[in-house]
């Protein structure tokens, strides 16, 4: 499930997914359920994200001269840049669309769905099957978050708690697989 051919890429995955977990769990603080335990769980995901991000970037820098699936200027790099650009544009367009329709409650699930979908082609770009699994899981979380009633908690809460925890778990798996 996790290819260990490119440890540097795994360390960068831990760094990026860790910071993403921190950000998503932070967005989840928008309106969690009333009980204090939910905020604590979000903070745990955030702290885990900071730890994974810190170790990931430190180890990526120490292994920077190691092999990578992405060589600047090569076809995987170009595919990555195109995928990333499409992701950013799609999130902005969908956020504007949701805001104009007075459905700002859907911005987090729409953004998480785009993030999840963008991981699927990146599985081939980085030769890393776990990206496709992450993409399917985060997209499924986004769909559920968009469909659950938002009376008990904001939709961003579900994206932050479940999406953030998923990214944290995969980031940590990649970190440990590379060491």
Foldseek 3Di string as FASTA:
>chain_A
DFDLQFLLVLLVLLQVLLCVLLVLLVLLVPWAFPDPVLNVLSVVLNVLSVVSNVRSVVVSVVCVVTDFLDDPPDPLVVVLVVLVVVLVVQLVVVCVVCVVVVNNLLSLLSNQLSVLVSLCVVCVSRVTVVSPVLSVQSNVQSVVLVPDDPPRHGSSSSSNNRNSVSSSVSSVVSNVSND
